Amino acid sequence: MKLKDSPAAKIGASIAIATGLYGISFGALSAASGMTFWQTMVLSLLLFSGGSQFAFIGVVAAGGTGVAAMSASALLGIRNGVYGMQLNALLRPTGWRRFAAAHVTIDESTATATGQSDPDEQKRGFWVAGVGVLILWNIMTALGAVLGDALGDPKQWGLDGAAVAAFLGLLWPRIKAFQPAAIAVVCAVVTLLVVPIVPPGVPILVAALVAALIGWFRRDTAPDHAPGHIGDGLEPDVDPYRHPDHQHEDTTSAGEKA
């Protein structure tokens, strides 16, 4: 199948365009926080994780320490490591592609890949979304950094909320059951409560601690028939460890039984 005819590639391209466009908000906010153009671009090119980037400059802009900024950024970046384990088993990249895949493993490329059932479509969606976002995000980041002074206060354009809205748009459809939704709400409430009383960058760390504690106390609550909390709304759309040949065998067996 040609790339232009691939449904997954079309989805990946549309996500890349939408995500890349709000890279301008990062560039503008980074400039407003006191970062230079080159500092902004290095952060965007090397870190390349929207949530982590916004967390870093958000803490810096609020007067937080470098340690707090790096801690908040690293905490949000942990999710990319979790994505990487799933996608490594799902896509099985080899050679230099392993390093390239690791760099473009983000919310958008992960969502596009895991939303497909065909192995080839998973790869097309992942690469189109990942590389597309990488290119457009950095172009728009540069534009935002250059136009930062001309734009004035980024908040008057709503740029400070663009990344949050996009992240929630990706996250919310994946919360498919009451329990994960309840955990998200509890963590959000805790964050709001501690914002006025702790230094910038610390609220997200407190929320993560709360989520970890909830996970710890519920670790033995899964019934024997549902190992790993299957069915609680946190499982991936596609089982990355299930080989395509096995899926075909199951489909054939089901047809024969019918």
C-alpha atoms as a PDB file:
ATOM      1  CA  MET A   1       0.000   0.000   0.000  1.00  0.00           C
ATOM      2  CA  LYS A   2       1.272   3.459  -0.904  1.00  0.00           C
ATOM      3  CA  LEU A   3       1.738   5.866   1.970  1.00  0.00           C
ATOM      4  CA  LYS A   4      -0.755   8.353   0.524  1.00  0.00           C
ATOM      5  CA  ASP A   5      -3.435   5.638   0.531  1.00  0.00           C
ATOM      6  CA  SER A   6      -2.804   4.508   4.098  1.00  0.00           C
ATOM      7  CA  PRO A   7      -5.586   5.382   6.576  1.00  0.00           C
ATOM      8  CA  ALA A   8      -3.091   5.337   9.459  1.00  0.00           C
ATOM      9  CA  ALA A   9      -0.744   7.681   7.591  1.00  0.00           C
ATOM     10  CA  LYS A  10      -3.604  10.098   6.984  1.00  0.00           C
ATOM     11  CA  ILE A  11      -4.501  10.031  10.679  1.00  0.00           C
ATOM     12  CA  GLY A  12      -0.855  10.500  11.622  1.00  0.00           C
ATOM     13  CA  ALA A  13      -0.478  13.435   9.232  1.00  0.00           C
ATOM     14  CA  SER A  14      -3.588  15.175  10.542  1.00  0.00           C
ATOM     15  CA  ILE A  15      -2.414  14.725  14.142  1.00  0.00           C
ATOM     16  CA  ALA A  16       1.056  15.984  13.212  1.00  0.00           C
ATOM     17  CA  ILE A  17      -0.370  19.147  11.659  1.00  0.00           C
ATOM     18  CA  ALA A  18      -2.670  19.863  14.604  1.00  0.00           C
ATOM     19  CA  THR A  19       0.047  19.184  17.180  1.00  0.00           C
ATOM     20  CA  GLY A  20       2.781  20.966  15.262  1.00  0.00           C
ATOM     21  CA  LEU A  21       0.753  24.149  15.050  1.00  0.00           C
ATOM     22  CA  TYR A  22       0.567  24.628  18.790  1.00  0.00           C
ATOM     23  CA  GLY A  23       4.352  24.363  18.996  1.00  0.00           C
ATOM     24  CA  ILE A  24       4.167  28.123  18.525  1.00  0.00           C
ATOM     25  CA  SER A  25       2.776  28.344  22.043  1.00  0.00           C
ATOM     26  CA  PHE A  26       5.854  26.645  23.468  1.00  0.00           C
ATOM     27  CA  GLY A  27       8.177  28.974  21.584  1.00  0.00           C
ATOM     28  CA  ALA A  28       6.310  32.065  22.756  1.00  0.00           C
ATOM     29  CA  LEU A  29       6.027  30.895  26.372  1.00  0.00           C
ATOM     30  CA  SER A  30       9.672  29.874  26.456  1.00  0.00           C
ATOM     31  CA  ALA A  31      10.744  33.313  25.247  1.00  0.00           C
ATOM     32  CA  ALA A  32       8.434  34.926  27.810  1.00  0.00           C
ATOM     33  CA  SER A  33      10.003  32.822  30.586  1.00  0.00           C
ATOM     34  CA  GLY A  34      13.440  34.238  29.800  1.00  0.00           C
ATOM     35  CA  MET A  35      14.869  31.451  27.644  1.00  0.00           C
ATOM     36  CA  THR A  36      16.935  32.528  24.629  1.00  0.00           C
ATOM     37  CA  PHE A  37      16.072  31.438  21.088  1.00  0.00           C
ATOM     38  CA  TRP A  38      18.823  28.813  21.016  1.00  0.00           C
ATOM     39  CA  GLN A  39      18.003  27.501  24.485  1.00  0.00           C
ATOM     40  CA  THR A  40      14.409  27.107  23.360  1.00  0.00           C
ATOM     41  CA  MET A  41      15.371  25.255  20.187  1.00  0.00           C
ATOM     42  CA  VAL A  42      17.841  22.906  21.906  1.00  0.00           C
ATOM     43  CA  LEU A  43      15.231  22.076  24.535  1.00  0.00           C
ATOM     44  CA  SER A  44      12.641  21.416  21.848  1.00  0.00           C
ATOM     45  CA  LEU A  45      14.897  19.344  19.587  1.00  0.00           C
ATOM     46  CA  LEU A  46      16.535  17.192  22.245  1.00  0.00           C
ATOM     47  CA  LEU A  47      13.822  16.825  24.879  1.00  0.00           C
ATOM     48  CA  PHE A  48      11.002  16.698  22.314  1.00  0.00           C
ATOM     49  CA  SER A  49       8.178  15.900  24.688  1.00  0.00           C
ATOM     50  CA  GLY A  50       5.572  18.631  24.779  1.00  0.00           C
ATOM     51  CA  GLY A  51       4.342  18.022  28.302  1.00  0.00           C
ATOM     52  CA  SER A  52       7.872  17.853  29.694  1.00  0.00           C
ATOM     53  CA  GLN A  53       8.899  20.988  27.824  1.00  0.00           C
ATOM     54  CA  PHE A  54       5.951  22.996  29.110  1.00  0.00           C
ATOM     55  CA  ALA A  55       6.540  21.701  32.637  1.00  0.00           C
ATOM     56  CA  PHE A  56      10.175  22.823  32.496  1.00  0.00           C
ATOM     57  CA  ILE A  57       9.555  26.367  31.306  1.00  0.00           C
ATOM     58  CA  GLY A  58       6.465  26.662  33.514  1.00  0.00           C
ATOM     59  CA  VAL A  59       8.517  26.048  36.634  1.00  0.00           C
ATOM     60  CA  VAL A  60      11.297  28.365  35.413  1.00  0.00           C
ATOM     61  CA  ALA A  61       8.815  31.140  34.614  1.00  0.00           C
ATOM     62  CA  ALA A  62       7.238  30.803  38.059  1.00  0.00           C
ATOM     63  CA  GLY A  63      10.610  31.264  39.725  1.00  0.00           C
ATOM     64  CA  GLY A  64      11.196  27.631  40.597  1.00  0.00           C
ATOM     65  CA  THR A  65      14.639  26.109  40.932  1.00  0.00           C
ATOM     66  CA  GLY A  66      16.412  24.205  38.189  1.00  0.00           C
ATOM     67  CA  VAL A  67      16.053  20.999  40.200  1.00  0.00           C
ATOM     68  CA  ALA A  68      12.272  21.492  40.475  1.00  0.00           C
ATOM     69  CA  ALA A  69      12.050  22.230  36.749  1.00  0.00           C
ATOM     70  CA  MET A  70      14.043  19.130  35.819  1.00  0.00           C
ATOM     71  CA  SER A  71      12.099  16.964  38.274  1.00  0.00           C
ATOM     72  CA  ALA A  72       8.722  18.033  36.882  1.00  0.00           C
ATOM     73  CA  SER A  73       9.967  17.569  33.329  1.00  0.00           C
ATOM     74  CA  ALA A  74      11.487  14.144  34.025  1.00  0.00           C
ATOM     75  CA  LEU A  75       8.363  12.955  35.805  1.00  0.00           C
ATOM     76  CA  LEU A  76       6.185  13.693  32.793  1.00  0.00           C
ATOM     77  CA  GLY A  77       8.819  12.091  30.569  1.00  0.00           C
ATOM     78  CA  ILE A  78       8.456   8.751  32.351  1.00  0.00           C
ATOM     79  CA  ARG A  79       5.339   8.047  30.307  1.00  0.00           C
ATOM     80  CA  ASN A  80       7.451   8.060  27.135  1.00  0.00           C
ATOM     81  CA  GLY A  81       9.546   5.253  28.584  1.00  0.00           C
ATOM     82  CA  VAL A  82       6.390   3.240  29.219  1.00  0.00           C
ATOM     83  CA  TYR A  83       5.248   3.962  25.657  1.00  0.00           C
ATOM     84  CA  GLY A  84       8.660   2.836  24.407  1.00  0.00           C
ATOM     85  CA  MET A  85       8.392  -0.598  25.996  1.00  0.00           C
ATOM     86  CA  GLN A  86       4.998  -1.166  24.402  1.00  0.00           C
ATOM     87  CA  LEU A  87       5.988   0.161  20.988  1.00  0.00           C
ATOM     88  CA  ASN A  88       9.284  -1.723  20.913  1.00  0.00           C
ATOM     89  CA  ALA A  89       7.333  -4.972  21.208  1.00  0.00           C
ATOM     90  CA  LEU A  90       4.655  -3.756  18.825  1.00  0.00           C
ATOM     91  CA  LEU A  91       6.818  -2.381  15.997  1.00  0.00           C
ATOM     92  CA  ARG A  92      10.090  -4.296  16.580  1.00  0.00           C
ATOM     93  CA  PRO A  93      12.409  -1.654  15.058  1.00  0.00           C
ATOM     94  CA  THR A  94      15.971  -2.716  14.250  1.00  0.00           C
ATOM     95  CA  GLY A  95      19.311  -0.986  13.769  1.00  0.00           C
ATOM     96  CA  TRP A  96      19.304   2.807  13.659  1.00  0.00           C
ATOM     97  CA  ARG A  97      15.510   2.771  13.584  1.00  0.00           C
ATOM     98  CA  ARG A  98      15.509   1.820  17.273  1.00  0.00           C
ATOM     99  CA  PHE A  99      17.174   5.128  18.165  1.00  0.00           C
ATOM    100  CA  ALA A 100      14.974   7.109  15.778  1.00  0.00           C
ATOM    101  CA  ALA A 101      11.846   5.398  17.100  1.00  0.00           C
ATOM    102  CA  ALA A 102      12.861   6.154  20.691  1.00  0.00           C
ATOM    103  CA  HIS A 103      13.164   9.865  19.898  1.00  0.00           C
ATOM    104  CA  VAL A 104       9.763  10.142  18.207  1.00  0.00           C
ATOM    105  CA  THR A 105       7.912   8.006  20.758  1.00  0.00           C
ATOM    106  CA  ILE A 106       5.446  10.593  22.033  1.00  0.00           C
ATOM    107  CA  ASP A 107       1.747  10.753  22.899  1.00  0.00           C
ATOM    108  CA  GLU A 108       0.680  11.338  19.295  1.00  0.00           C
ATOM    109  CA  SER A 109       2.766   8.616  17.622  1.00  0.00           C
ATOM    110  CA  THR A 110       1.810   6.123  20.323  1.00  0.00           C
ATOM    111  CA  ALA A 111      -1.892   6.896  20.050  1.00  0.00           C
ATOM    112  CA  THR A 112      -1.798   6.594  16.249  1.00  0.00           C
ATOM    113  CA  ALA A 113       0.088   3.283  16.274  1.00  0.00           C
ATOM    114  CA  THR A 114      -1.904   1.554  19.006  1.00  0.00           C
ATOM    115  CA  GLY A 115      -5.153   2.633  17.396  1.00  0.00           C
ATOM    116  CA  GLN A 116      -4.465   0.359  14.401  1.00  0.00           C
ATOM    117  CA  SER A 117      -5.010  -3.400  14.199  1.00  0.00           C
ATOM    118  CA  ASP A 118      -2.874  -4.098  11.111  1.00  0.00           C
ATOM    119  CA  PRO A 119       0.901  -4.369  11.850  1.00  0.00           C
ATOM    120  CA  ASP A 120       1.891  -2.461   8.703  1.00  0.00           C
ATOM    121  CA  GLU A 121      -0.595   0.288   9.471  1.00  0.00           C
ATOM    122  CA  GLN A 122       0.758   0.519  13.011  1.00  0.00           C
ATOM    123  CA  LYS A 123       4.224   1.239  11.603  1.00  0.00           C
ATOM    124  CA  ARG A 124       2.977   3.745   9.041  1.00  0.00           C
ATOM    125  CA  GLY A 125       0.900   5.612  11.598  1.00  0.00           C
ATOM    126  CA  PHE A 126       3.731   5.698  14.127  1.00  0.00           C
ATOM    127  CA  TRP A 127       6.364   7.060  11.763  1.00  0.00           C
ATOM    128  CA  VAL A 128       4.150   9.577   9.996  1.00  0.00           C
ATOM    129  CA  ALA A 129       2.835  10.969  13.277  1.00  0.00           C
ATOM    130  CA  GLY A 130       6.205  10.918  15.070  1.00  0.00           C
ATOM    131  CA  VAL A 131       8.361  12.403  12.307  1.00  0.00           C
ATOM    132  CA  GLY A 132       5.603  14.801  11.260  1.00  0.00           C
ATOM    133  CA  VAL A 133       5.256  16.211  14.768  1.00  0.00           C
ATOM    134  CA  LEU A 134       9.054  16.441  15.159  1.00  0.00           C
ATOM    135  CA  ILE A 135       9.398  18.571  12.026  1.00  0.00           C
ATOM    136  CA  LEU A 136       6.345  20.799  12.427  1.00  0.00           C
ATOM    137  CA  TRP A 137       6.702  21.208  16.190  1.00  0.00           C
ATOM    138  CA  ASN A 138      10.228  22.562  15.860  1.00  0.00           C
ATOM    139  CA  ILE A 139       9.368  24.839  12.948  1.00  0.00           C
ATOM    140  CA  MET A 140       6.507  26.358  14.917  1.00  0.00           C
ATOM    141  CA  THR A 141       8.626  26.506  18.085  1.00  0.00           C
ATOM    142  CA  ALA A 142      11.188  28.600  16.210  1.00  0.00           C
ATOM    143  CA  LEU A 143       8.423  30.830  14.886  1.00  0.00           C
ATOM    144  CA  GLY A 144       6.944  31.291  18.348  1.00  0.00           C
ATOM    145  CA  ALA A 145      10.352  32.083  19.846  1.00  0.00           C
ATOM    146  CA  VAL A 146      11.062  34.690  17.161  1.00  0.00           C
ATOM    147  CA  LEU A 147       7.615  36.280  17.396  1.00  0.00           C
ATOM    148  CA  GLY A 148       7.486  36.058  21.201  1.00  0.00           C
ATOM    149  CA  ASP A 149       8.025  39.782  21.758  1.00  0.00           C
ATOM    150  CA  ALA A 150       5.618  40.756  18.963  1.00  0.00           C
ATOM    151  CA  LEU A 151       2.895  38.519  20.381  1.00  0.00           C
ATOM    152  CA  GLY A 152       3.081  40.158  23.796  1.00  0.00           C
ATOM    153  CA  ASP A 153       1.679  38.181  26.704  1.00  0.00           C
ATOM    154  CA  PRO A 154       1.073  34.612  25.406  1.00  0.00           C
ATOM    155  CA  LYS A 155      -1.802  34.237  27.887  1.00  0.00           C
ATOM    156  CA  GLN A 156      -3.921  36.802  26.061  1.00  0.00           C
ATOM    157  CA  TRP A 157      -3.930  34.478  23.050  1.00  0.00           C
ATOM    158  CA  GLY A 158      -4.708  31.418  25.138  1.00  0.00           C
ATOM    159  CA  LEU A 159      -1.375  29.851  24.198  1.00  0.00           C
ATOM    160  CA  ASP A 160      -0.690  28.854  27.792  1.00  0.00           C
ATOM    161  CA  GLY A 161      -3.648  26.452  27.689  1.00  0.00           C
ATOM    162  CA  ALA A 162      -3.074  24.959  24.227  1.00  0.00           C
ATOM    163  CA  ALA A 163      -0.783  22.152  25.365  1.00  0.00           C
ATOM    164  CA  VAL A 164      -2.979  21.256  28.326  1.00  0.00           C
ATOM    165  CA  ALA A 165      -6.053  21.019  26.086  1.00  0.00           C
ATOM    166  CA  ALA A 166      -4.215  18.862  23.551  1.00  0.00           C
ATOM    167  CA  PHE A 167      -2.857  16.521  26.236  1.00  0.00           C
ATOM    168  CA  LEU A 168      -6.313  16.081  27.769  1.00  0.00           C
ATOM    169  CA  GLY A 169      -7.729  15.445  24.302  1.00  0.00           C
ATOM    170  CA  LEU A 170      -5.332  12.519  23.897  1.00  0.00           C
ATOM    171  CA  LEU A 171      -5.698  11.226  27.447  1.00  0.00           C
ATOM    172  CA  TRP A 172      -9.431  11.371  28.036  1.00  0.00           C
ATOM    173  CA  PRO A 173     -10.536   8.841  25.346  1.00  0.00           C
ATOM    174  CA  ARG A 174      -8.166   6.285  26.890  1.00  0.00           C
ATOM    175  CA  ILE A 175      -9.803   6.474  30.328  1.00  0.00           C
ATOM    176  CA  LYS A 176     -12.447   3.833  29.768  1.00  0.00           C
ATOM    177  CA  ALA A 177     -13.553   2.890  33.267  1.00  0.00           C
ATOM    178  CA  PHE A 178     -14.583   4.478  36.555  1.00  0.00           C
ATOM    179  CA  GLN A 179     -11.446   3.614  38.530  1.00  0.00           C
ATOM    180  CA  PRO A 180      -8.831   5.372  36.337  1.00  0.00           C
ATOM    181  CA  ALA A 181     -11.175   8.344  35.967  1.00  0.00           C
ATOM    182  CA  ALA A 182     -11.513   8.528  39.754  1.00  0.00           C
ATOM    183  CA  ILE A 183      -7.719   8.410  40.172  1.00  0.00           C
ATOM    184  CA  ALA A 184      -7.330  11.241  37.657  1.00  0.00           C
ATOM    185  CA  VAL A 185      -9.895  13.364  39.485  1.00  0.00           C
ATOM    186  CA  VAL A 186      -8.275  12.729  42.885  1.00  0.00           C
ATOM    187  CA  CYS A 187      -4.849  13.707  41.544  1.00  0.00           C
ATOM    188  CA  ALA A 188      -6.283  16.853  39.953  1.00  0.00           C
ATOM    189  CA  VAL A 189      -7.938  17.893  43.224  1.00  0.00           C
ATOM    190  CA  VAL A 190      -4.741  17.255  45.185  1.00  0.00           C
ATOM    191  CA  THR A 191      -2.787  19.355  42.687  1.00  0.00           C
ATOM    192  CA  LEU A 192      -5.194  22.285  43.061  1.00  0.00           C
ATOM    193  CA  LEU A 193      -5.035  22.072  46.856  1.00  0.00           C
ATOM    194  CA  VAL A 194      -1.242  22.138  47.100  1.00  0.00           C
ATOM    195  CA  VAL A 195      -0.552  24.784  44.423  1.00  0.00           C
ATOM    196  CA  PRO A 196      -0.864  27.723  46.880  1.00  0.00           C
ATOM    197  CA  ILE A 197       1.315  26.157  49.576  1.00  0.00           C
ATOM    198  CA  VAL A 198       4.265  24.518  47.803  1.00  0.00           C
ATOM    199  CA  PRO A 199       6.971  25.825  45.411  1.00  0.00           C
ATOM    200  CA  PRO A 200       6.414  25.747  41.617  1.00  0.00           C
ATOM    201  CA  GLY A 201       6.993  22.315  40.116  1.00  0.00           C
ATOM    202  CA  VAL A 202       6.197  20.461  43.329  1.00  0.00           C
ATOM    203  CA  PRO A 203       2.396  20.048  42.814  1.00  0.00           C
ATOM    204  CA  ILE A 204       2.861  17.625  39.938  1.00  0.00           C
ATOM    205  CA  LEU A 205       5.291  15.606  42.058  1.00  0.00           C
ATOM    206  CA  VAL A 206       2.717  15.438  44.858  1.00  0.00           C
ATOM    207  CA  ALA A 207       0.031  14.306  42.410  1.00  0.00           C
ATOM    208  CA  ALA A 208       2.347  11.587  41.088  1.00  0.00           C
ATOM    209  CA  LEU A 209       3.009  10.406  44.633  1.00  0.00           C
ATOM    210  CA  VAL A 210      -0.732  10.186  45.286  1.00  0.00           C
ATOM    211  CA  ALA A 211      -1.246   8.151  42.100  1.00  0.00           C
ATOM    212  CA  ALA A 212       1.643   5.857  43.050  1.00  0.00           C
ATOM    213  CA  LEU A 213       0.187   5.286  46.509  1.00  0.00           C
ATOM    214  CA  ILE A 214      -3.213   4.436  45.047  1.00  0.00           C
ATOM    215  CA  GLY A 215      -1.529   1.987  42.675  1.00  0.00           C
ATOM    216  CA  TRP A 216       0.424   0.443  45.538  1.00  0.00           C
ATOM    217  CA  PHE A 217      -2.606  -0.186  47.712  1.00  0.00           C
ATOM    218  CA  ARG A 218      -4.628  -1.647  44.845  1.00  0.00           C
ATOM    219  CA  ARG A 219      -1.849  -3.948  43.606  1.00  0.00           C
ATOM    220  CA  ASP A 220      -3.456  -7.057  45.116  1.00  0.00           C
ATOM    221  CA  THR A 221      -7.056  -6.218  44.231  1.00  0.00           C
ATOM    222  CA  ALA A 222      -7.140  -7.818  40.769  1.00  0.00           C
ATOM    223  CA  PRO A 223      -9.135 -11.067  40.673  1.00  0.00           C
ATOM    224  CA  ASP A 224      -7.427 -14.247  39.469  1.00  0.00           C
ATOM    225  CA  HIS A 225      -9.308 -14.166  36.184  1.00  0.00           C
ATOM    226  CA  ALA A 226      -8.049 -10.646  35.400  1.00  0.00           C
ATOM    227  CA  PRO A 227      -4.275 -10.493  35.932  1.00  0.00           C
ATOM    228  CA  GLY A 228      -2.754  -7.057  35.434  1.00  0.00           C
ATOM    229  CA  HIS A 229      -6.135  -5.404  36.082  1.00  0.00           C
ATOM    230  CA  ILE A 230      -7.483  -6.373  32.676  1.00  0.00           C
ATOM    231  CA  GLY A 231     -10.767  -4.654  32.059  1.00  0.00           C
ATOM    232  CA  ASP A 232     -10.204  -1.735  34.423  1.00  0.00           C
ATOM    233  CA  GLY A 233      -9.807   0.757  31.576  1.00  0.00           C
ATOM    234  CA  LEU A 234      -6.024   1.096  31.665  1.00  0.00           C
ATOM    235  CA  GLU A 235      -5.023  -1.662  29.247  1.00  0.00           C
ATOM    236  CA  PRO A 236      -3.674  -0.768  25.749  1.00  0.00           C
ATOM    237  CA  ASP A 237      -5.931  -0.924  22.701  1.00  0.00           C
ATOM    238  CA  VAL A 238      -3.658  -3.490  21.089  1.00  0.00           C
ATOM    239  CA  ASP A 239      -1.743  -6.268  22.836  1.00  0.00           C
ATOM    240  CA  PRO A 240       1.857  -5.623  21.675  1.00  0.00           C
ATOM    241  CA  TYR A 241       3.007  -9.108  22.661  1.00  0.00           C
ATOM    242  CA  ARG A 242       0.416 -10.883  20.555  1.00  0.00           C
ATOM    243  CA  HIS A 243       2.005 -12.032  17.313  1.00  0.00           C
ATOM    244  CA  PRO A 244      -0.004 -11.320  14.125  1.00  0.00           C
ATOM    245  CA  ASP A 245       0.191 -15.022  13.155  1.00  0.00           C
ATOM    246  CA  HIS A 246      -1.550 -15.935  16.407  1.00  0.00           C
ATOM    247  CA  GLN A 247      -4.281 -13.411  15.695  1.00  0.00           C
ATOM    248  CA  HIS A 248      -4.756 -14.991  12.275  1.00  0.00           C
ATOM    249  CA  GLU A 249      -4.896 -18.466  13.806  1.00  0.00           C
ATOM    250  CA  ASP A 250      -7.519 -17.329  16.301  1.00  0.00           C
ATOM    251  CA  THR A 251      -9.586 -15.780  13.530  1.00  0.00           C
ATOM    252  CA  THR A 252      -9.350 -18.957  11.463  1.00  0.00           C
ATOM    253  CA  SER A 253     -10.306 -21.115  14.442  1.00  0.00           C
ATOM    254  CA  ALA A 254     -13.263 -18.904  15.186  1.00  0.00           C
ATOM    255  CA  GLY A 255     -14.399 -19.225  11.562  1.00  0.00           C
ATOM    256  CA  GLU A 256     -14.079 -22.989  11.674  1.00  0.00           C
ATOM    257  CA  LYS A 257     -16.042 -23.175  14.917  1.00  0.00           C
ATOM    258  CA  ALA A 258     -18.789 -21.056  13.425  1.00  0.00           C
END
